[in-house]
Amino acid sequence: MTRVCSAGPMKAVKRVVPNRCCGVIVDLQGFFLSQVDRRLGARIKTNTANLVRLLNYFRVPIVVTLERPLDFKGSLPKEIGKHLDDRARTFEKDFFDLCKDKTIKNHLARLKRRQVIVAGCETDVCVMQSCLGLLSLGYEVTVMEELIFSSSSNVEAAMARMKAAGVVFSTYKMLYYELIEAVESRHTDKFQKAFGPFPDDLPDSTLA
């Protein structure tokens, strides 16, 4: 008798797809940047600006949140803000979890994008709570691990909690090549016809 080994139903692997995702930059403001090392703050600004440019190329909408009060905490650094295009929307919020703000929640729903790419701060407060909120609403959440930060030196518990809840952690380089998909070929010719020439000065990895 021949025995057939069955591994059971295969689980679909979730990949980030340009027309299914949106970007969310959480509370990346001067007040929070002032609480971290200056070199780290400069890297965060440069690398987040490149993330915005990458998402812009693929016409991915971006949501920016700013924690009130703005006259104390500031706005998005101009190095990043200058790259936002007409697909981006900026919202002020009081809740740590952006999903508790009905205006932001409704805007995300209208985008009809079920994948969310998250950057910003603070890792163990607004980023974590927003990610948990997004998961509870059925979104697939990817956090850019090089583009989150906190005034706290130890955020291991927050990272562990997010991972246990279902957040996927990625790097800028991973996302870059996941969106591009292939070396120069008919595929790249196809997406360049759709999106235009790819920026020659957009790096494939973060500034270390």
C-alpha atoms as a PDB file:
ATOM      1  CA  MET A   1       0.000   0.000   0.000  1.00  0.00           C
ATOM      2  CA  THR A   2       1.352   3.405  -0.991  1.00  0.00           C
ATOM      3  CA  ARG A   3       1.259   6.023   1.700  1.00  0.00           C
ATOM      4  CA  VAL A   4       0.642   9.601   0.680  1.00  0.00           C
ATOM      5  CA  CYS A   5       2.212  12.225   2.877  1.00  0.00           C
ATOM      6  CA  SER A   6       0.199  15.414   3.140  1.00  0.00           C
ATOM      7  CA  ALA A   7       1.589  18.591   4.615  1.00  0.00           C
ATOM      8  CA  GLY A   8      -1.873  20.083   4.796  1.00  0.00           C
ATOM      9  CA  PRO A   9      -3.036  23.281   3.148  1.00  0.00           C
ATOM     10  CA  MET A  10      -0.277  25.630   2.058  1.00  0.00           C
ATOM     11  CA  LYS A  11      -0.220  29.011   3.739  1.00  0.00           C
ATOM     12  CA  ALA A  12      -0.140  31.937   1.337  1.00  0.00           C
ATOM     13  CA  VAL A  13       3.017  33.987   1.631  1.00  0.00           C
ATOM     14  CA  LYS A  14       2.244  37.675   1.943  1.00  0.00           C
ATOM     15  CA  ARG A  15       4.339  39.938  -0.242  1.00  0.00           C
ATOM     16  CA  VAL A  16       4.265  43.713  -0.375  1.00  0.00           C
ATOM     17  CA  VAL A  17       2.588  44.802  -3.609  1.00  0.00           C
ATOM     18  CA  PRO A  18       2.589  48.455  -4.774  1.00  0.00           C
ATOM     19  CA  ASN A  19      -1.122  48.625  -5.589  1.00  0.00           C
ATOM     20  CA  ARG A  20      -2.095  47.025  -2.279  1.00  0.00           C
ATOM     21  CA  CYS A  21       0.005  49.056   0.136  1.00  0.00           C
ATOM     22  CA  CYS A  22       0.230  52.478   1.719  1.00  0.00           C
ATOM     23  CA  GLY A  23       2.879  54.113   3.851  1.00  0.00           C
ATOM     24  CA  VAL A  24       2.387  55.525   7.349  1.00  0.00           C
ATOM     25  CA  ILE A  25       4.922  57.836   9.010  1.00  0.00           C
ATOM     26  CA  VAL A  26       4.081  58.071  12.699  1.00  0.00           C
ATOM     27  CA  ASP A  27       4.877  61.263  14.647  1.00  0.00           C
ATOM     28  CA  LEU A  28       8.302  61.913  13.133  1.00  0.00           C
ATOM     29  CA  GLN A  29       8.622  65.349  14.751  1.00  0.00           C
ATOM     30  CA  GLY A  30      11.369  67.605  16.050  1.00  0.00           C
ATOM     31  CA  PHE A  31      10.571  67.003  19.712  1.00  0.00           C
ATOM     32  CA  PHE A  32      11.120  63.255  19.407  1.00  0.00           C
ATOM     33  CA  LEU A  33      14.176  63.607  17.173  1.00  0.00           C
ATOM     34  CA  SER A  34      15.743  65.921  19.762  1.00  0.00           C
ATOM     35  CA  GLN A  35      15.709  63.072  22.289  1.00  0.00           C
ATOM     36  CA  VAL A  36      17.994  60.785  20.292  1.00  0.00           C
ATOM     37  CA  ASP A  37      21.611  61.001  19.211  1.00  0.00           C
ATOM     38  CA  ARG A  38      22.136  63.634  16.515  1.00  0.00           C
ATOM     39  CA  ARG A  39      23.735  61.153  14.111  1.00  0.00           C
ATOM     40  CA  LEU A  40      20.821  58.750  14.531  1.00  0.00           C
ATOM     41  CA  GLY A  41      18.372  61.599  13.959  1.00  0.00           C
ATOM     42  CA  ALA A  42      20.172  62.604  10.748  1.00  0.00           C
ATOM     43  CA  ARG A  43      20.114  58.992   9.495  1.00  0.00           C
ATOM     44  CA  ILE A  44      16.405  58.673  10.292  1.00  0.00           C
ATOM     45  CA  LYS A  45      15.614  61.819   8.294  1.00  0.00           C
ATOM     46  CA  THR A  46      17.708  60.808   5.272  1.00  0.00           C
ATOM     47  CA  ASN A  47      16.497  57.213   5.213  1.00  0.00           C
ATOM     48  CA  THR A  48      12.845  58.143   5.715  1.00  0.00           C
ATOM     49  CA  ALA A  49      13.114  60.667   2.886  1.00  0.00           C
ATOM     50  CA  ASN A  50      14.395  57.860   0.641  1.00  0.00           C
ATOM     51  CA  LEU A  51      11.506  55.632   1.743  1.00  0.00           C
ATOM     52  CA  VAL A  52       9.078  58.403   0.750  1.00  0.00           C
ATOM     53  CA  ARG A  53      10.774  58.726  -2.649  1.00  0.00           C
ATOM     54  CA  LEU A  54      10.607  54.964  -3.183  1.00  0.00           C
ATOM     55  CA  LEU A  55       6.905  54.830  -2.331  1.00  0.00           C
ATOM     56  CA  ASN A  56       6.230  57.896  -4.476  1.00  0.00           C
ATOM     57  CA  TYR A  57       7.798  56.197  -7.483  1.00  0.00           C
ATOM     58  CA  PHE A  58       5.363  53.307  -7.194  1.00  0.00           C
ATOM     59  CA  ARG A  59       2.474  55.750  -6.569  1.00  0.00           C
ATOM     60  CA  VAL A  60       1.904  54.454  -3.066  1.00  0.00           C
ATOM     61  CA  PRO A  61      -0.199  56.841  -0.926  1.00  0.00           C
ATOM     62  CA  ILE A  62       1.363  58.033   2.323  1.00  0.00           C
ATOM     63  CA  VAL A  63      -0.244  59.026   5.614  1.00  0.00           C
ATOM     64  CA  VAL A  64       1.704  61.258   7.998  1.00  0.00           C
ATOM     65  CA  THR A  65       0.582  61.664  11.604  1.00  0.00           C
ATOM     66  CA  LEU A  66       1.651  64.440  13.957  1.00  0.00           C
ATOM     67  CA  GLU A  67       1.104  64.285  17.685  1.00  0.00           C
ATOM     68  CA  ARG A  68      -0.387  67.396  19.300  1.00  0.00           C
ATOM     69  CA  PRO A  69       0.487  69.997  20.429  1.00  0.00           C
ATOM     70  CA  LEU A  70       2.377  70.916  17.260  1.00  0.00           C
ATOM     71  CA  ASP A  71       3.697  74.193  18.649  1.00  0.00           C
ATOM     72  CA  PHE A  72       5.676  72.106  21.150  1.00  0.00           C
ATOM     73  CA  LYS A  73       6.371  68.861  19.262  1.00  0.00           C
ATOM     74  CA  GLY A  74       6.866  70.320  15.794  1.00  0.00           C
ATOM     75  CA  SER A  75       6.015  69.039  12.330  1.00  0.00           C
ATOM     76  CA  LEU A  76       7.570  66.625   9.866  1.00  0.00           C
ATOM     77  CA  PRO A  77      11.177  67.662   9.075  1.00  0.00           C
ATOM     78  CA  LYS A  78      11.418  69.602   5.814  1.00  0.00           C
ATOM     79  CA  GLU A  79      14.028  67.136   4.536  1.00  0.00           C
ATOM     80  CA  ILE A  80      11.211  64.578   4.388  1.00  0.00           C
ATOM     81  CA  GLY A  81       8.207  66.826   3.801  1.00  0.00           C
ATOM     82  CA  LYS A  82       9.596  68.267   0.580  1.00  0.00           C
ATOM     83  CA  HIS A  83       9.279  64.829  -1.027  1.00  0.00           C
ATOM     84  CA  LEU A  84       5.594  64.317  -0.207  1.00  0.00           C
ATOM     85  CA  ASP A  85       3.370  64.479  -3.266  1.00  0.00           C
ATOM     86  CA  ASP A  86      -0.363  64.931  -3.786  1.00  0.00           C
ATOM     87  CA  ARG A  87      -1.061  61.344  -2.702  1.00  0.00           C
ATOM     88  CA  ALA A  88       0.126  62.148   0.831  1.00  0.00           C
ATOM     89  CA  ARG A  89      -2.133  63.334   3.637  1.00  0.00           C
ATOM     90  CA  THR A  90      -1.075  64.738   7.007  1.00  0.00           C
ATOM     91  CA  PHE A  91      -3.204  64.396  10.147  1.00  0.00           C
ATOM     92  CA  GLU A  92      -2.863  65.693  13.685  1.00  0.00           C
ATOM     93  CA  LYS A  93      -3.764  63.258  16.462  1.00  0.00           C
ATOM     94  CA  ASP A  94      -4.183  62.985  20.221  1.00  0.00           C
ATOM     95  CA  PHE A  95      -4.341  59.198  20.571  1.00  0.00           C
ATOM     96  CA  PHE A  96      -1.147  57.156  20.610  1.00  0.00           C
ATOM     97  CA  ASP A  97      -2.926  54.584  18.403  1.00  0.00           C
ATOM     98  CA  LEU A  98      -3.675  56.399  15.148  1.00  0.00           C
ATOM     99  CA  CYS A  99      -6.574  54.015  14.514  1.00  0.00           C
ATOM    100  CA  LYS A 100      -8.491  55.575  17.408  1.00  0.00           C
ATOM    101  CA  ASP A 101      -8.722  58.804  15.426  1.00  0.00           C
ATOM    102  CA  LYS A 102     -11.836  58.417  13.249  1.00  0.00           C
ATOM    103  CA  THR A 103     -10.582  60.812  10.575  1.00  0.00           C
ATOM    104  CA  ILE A 104      -7.354  58.847  10.079  1.00  0.00           C
ATOM    105  CA  LYS A 105      -9.135  55.505  10.315  1.00  0.00           C
ATOM    106  CA  ASN A 106     -11.697  56.547   7.695  1.00  0.00           C
ATOM    107  CA  HIS A 107      -9.025  57.920   5.378  1.00  0.00           C
ATOM    108  CA  LEU A 108      -7.120  54.636   5.508  1.00  0.00           C
ATOM    109  CA  ALA A 109     -10.328  52.733   4.753  1.00  0.00           C
ATOM    110  CA  ARG A 110     -11.004  54.923   1.695  1.00  0.00           C
ATOM    111  CA  LEU A 111      -7.540  54.154   0.317  1.00  0.00           C
ATOM    112  CA  LYS A 112      -8.575  50.481   0.008  1.00  0.00           C
ATOM    113  CA  ARG A 113      -4.994  49.385   0.685  1.00  0.00           C
ATOM    114  CA  ARG A 114      -4.762  46.414   3.038  1.00  0.00           C
ATOM    115  CA  GLN A 115      -0.985  46.494   3.479  1.00  0.00           C
ATOM    116  CA  VAL A 116       0.592  49.226   5.619  1.00  0.00           C
ATOM    117  CA  ILE A 117       4.309  50.083   5.714  1.00  0.00           C
ATOM    118  CA  VAL A 118       5.161  51.841   8.979  1.00  0.00           C
ATOM    119  CA  ALA A 119       8.029  54.133  10.005  1.00  0.00           C
ATOM    120  CA  GLY A 120       8.381  56.754  12.747  1.00  0.00           C
ATOM    121  CA  CYS A 121       8.364  56.952  16.518  1.00  0.00           C
ATOM    122  CA  GLU A 122       8.215  56.146  19.305  1.00  0.00           C
ATOM    123  CA  THR A 123       8.782  52.414  18.845  1.00  0.00           C
ATOM    124  CA  ASP A 124       7.356  51.479  22.244  1.00  0.00           C
ATOM    125  CA  VAL A 125       4.445  53.932  22.277  1.00  0.00           C
ATOM    126  CA  CYS A 126       2.807  55.330  19.128  1.00  0.00           C
ATOM    127  CA  VAL A 127       4.401  52.910  16.666  1.00  0.00           C
ATOM    128  CA  MET A 128       3.518  49.848  18.737  1.00  0.00           C
ATOM    129  CA  GLN A 129      -0.011  50.966  19.601  1.00  0.00           C
ATOM    130  CA  SER A 130      -0.734  52.043  16.011  1.00  0.00           C
ATOM    131  CA  CYS A 131       0.516  48.711  14.667  1.00  0.00           C
ATOM    132  CA  LEU A 132      -1.697  46.810  17.100  1.00  0.00           C
ATOM    133  CA  GLY A 133      -4.616  48.999  16.077  1.00  0.00           C
ATOM    134  CA  LEU A 134      -3.978  48.395  12.378  1.00  0.00           C
ATOM    135  CA  LEU A 135      -3.754  44.640  12.928  1.00  0.00           C
ATOM    136  CA  SER A 136      -7.061  44.695  14.811  1.00  0.00           C
ATOM    137  CA  LEU A 137      -8.666  46.300  11.752  1.00  0.00           C
ATOM    138  CA  GLY A 138      -7.382  43.540   9.475  1.00  0.00           C
ATOM    139  CA  TYR A 139      -4.403  45.290   7.894  1.00  0.00           C
ATOM    140  CA  GLU A 140      -1.154  43.513   7.064  1.00  0.00           C
ATOM    141  CA  VAL A 141       1.496  45.558   8.855  1.00  0.00           C
ATOM    142  CA  THR A 142       5.161  45.830   7.881  1.00  0.00           C
ATOM    143  CA  VAL A 143       7.466  47.901  10.072  1.00  0.00           C
ATOM    144  CA  MET A 144      10.701  49.302   8.664  1.00  0.00           C
ATOM    145  CA  GLU A 145      13.068  48.351  11.461  1.00  0.00           C
ATOM    146  CA  GLU A 146      15.767  50.920  10.571  1.00  0.00           C
ATOM    147  CA  LEU A 147      13.201  53.716  10.400  1.00  0.00           C
ATOM    148  CA  ILE A 148      11.677  53.480  13.862  1.00  0.00           C
ATOM    149  CA  PHE A 149      13.193  54.911  17.023  1.00  0.00           C
ATOM    150  CA  SER A 150      12.480  55.824  20.612  1.00  0.00           C
ATOM    151  CA  SER A 151      13.835  57.923  23.435  1.00  0.00           C
ATOM    152  CA  SER A 152      13.977  54.661  25.407  1.00  0.00           C
ATOM    153  CA  SER A 153      17.166  52.658  25.085  1.00  0.00           C
ATOM    154  CA  ASN A 154      15.376  49.325  25.495  1.00  0.00           C
ATOM    155  CA  VAL A 155      12.455  48.598  23.176  1.00  0.00           C
ATOM    156  CA  GLU A 156      12.850  44.817  23.053  1.00  0.00           C
ATOM    157  CA  ALA A 157       9.526  44.183  24.811  1.00  0.00           C
ATOM    158  CA  ALA A 158       7.700  46.399  22.303  1.00  0.00           C
ATOM    159  CA  MET A 159       9.381  44.663  19.357  1.00  0.00           C
ATOM    160  CA  ALA A 160       8.536  41.244  20.777  1.00  0.00           C
ATOM    161  CA  ARG A 161       4.926  42.225  21.376  1.00  0.00           C
ATOM    162  CA  MET A 162       4.513  43.515  17.825  1.00  0.00           C
ATOM    163  CA  LYS A 163       6.069  40.399  16.325  1.00  0.00           C
ATOM    164  CA  ALA A 164       3.884  38.136  18.468  1.00  0.00           C
ATOM    165  CA  ALA A 165       0.798  40.044  17.327  1.00  0.00           C
ATOM    166  CA  GLY A 166       1.661  39.534  13.653  1.00  0.00           C
ATOM    167  CA  VAL A 167       3.706  42.566  12.618  1.00  0.00           C
ATOM    168  CA  VAL A 168       6.321  41.773   9.971  1.00  0.00           C
ATOM    169  CA  PHE A 169       9.653  43.555  10.280  1.00  0.00           C
ATOM    170  CA  SER A 170      11.518  44.494   7.123  1.00  0.00           C
ATOM    171  CA  THR A 171      14.458  46.645   6.055  1.00  0.00           C
ATOM    172  CA  TYR A 172      14.558  49.391   3.458  1.00  0.00           C
ATOM    173  CA  LYS A 173      16.741  47.205   1.220  1.00  0.00           C
ATOM    174  CA  MET A 174      14.304  44.299   1.480  1.00  0.00           C
ATOM    175  CA  LEU A 175      11.388  46.547   0.546  1.00  0.00           C
ATOM    176  CA  TYR A 176      13.330  48.202  -2.290  1.00  0.00           C
ATOM    177  CA  TYR A 177      13.974  44.901  -4.056  1.00  0.00           C
ATOM    178  CA  GLU A 178      10.584  43.434  -3.171  1.00  0.00           C
ATOM    179  CA  LEU A 179       8.905  46.294  -5.026  1.00  0.00           C
ATOM    180  CA  ILE A 180      11.306  46.235  -7.985  1.00  0.00           C
ATOM    181  CA  GLU A 181      11.122  42.409  -8.242  1.00  0.00           C
ATOM    182  CA  ALA A 182      13.749  41.814 -10.956  1.00  0.00           C
ATOM    183  CA  VAL A 183      16.981  42.975 -12.557  1.00  0.00           C
ATOM    184  CA  GLU A 184      16.683  44.947 -15.784  1.00  0.00           C
ATOM    185  CA  SER A 185      14.449  42.900 -18.021  1.00  0.00           C
ATOM    186  CA  ARG A 186      11.084  42.947 -19.711  1.00  0.00           C
ATOM    187  CA  HIS A 187       9.589  43.238 -16.252  1.00  0.00           C
ATOM    188  CA  THR A 188      11.452  46.450 -15.468  1.00  0.00           C
ATOM    189  CA  ASP A 189      10.609  47.781 -18.923  1.00  0.00           C
ATOM    190  CA  LYS A 190       6.968  47.145 -18.093  1.00  0.00           C
ATOM    191  CA  PHE A 191       6.960  48.967 -14.755  1.00  0.00           C
ATOM    192  CA  GLN A 192       9.028  51.825 -16.153  1.00  0.00           C
ATOM    193  CA  LYS A 193       6.377  52.296 -18.819  1.00  0.00           C
ATOM    194  CA  ALA A 194       3.811  52.451 -16.021  1.00  0.00           C
ATOM    195  CA  PHE A 195       5.745  54.600 -13.533  1.00  0.00           C
ATOM    196  CA  GLY A 196       8.446  56.331 -15.569  1.00  0.00           C
ATOM    197  CA  PRO A 197      12.256  56.140 -15.338  1.00  0.00           C
ATOM    198  CA  PHE A 198      13.512  54.909 -11.988  1.00  0.00           C
ATOM    199  CA  PRO A 199      15.491  57.595 -10.079  1.00  0.00           C
ATOM    200  CA  ASP A 200      19.210  56.957 -10.570  1.00  0.00           C
ATOM    201  CA  ASP A 201      20.074  58.622  -7.264  1.00  0.00           C
ATOM    202  CA  LEU A 202      17.717  56.565  -5.086  1.00  0.00           C
ATOM    203  CA  PRO A 203      19.896  54.206  -3.003  1.00  0.00           C
ATOM    204  CA  ASP A 204      18.997  50.562  -2.471  1.00  0.00           C
ATOM    205  CA  SER A 205      20.005  50.578   1.190  1.00  0.00           C
ATOM    206  CA  THR A 206      19.904  52.891   4.177  1.00  0.00           C
ATOM    207  CA  LEU A 207      22.576  55.298   5.268  1.00  0.00           C
ATOM    208  CA  ALA A 208      24.492  53.513   8.026  1.00  0.00           C
END
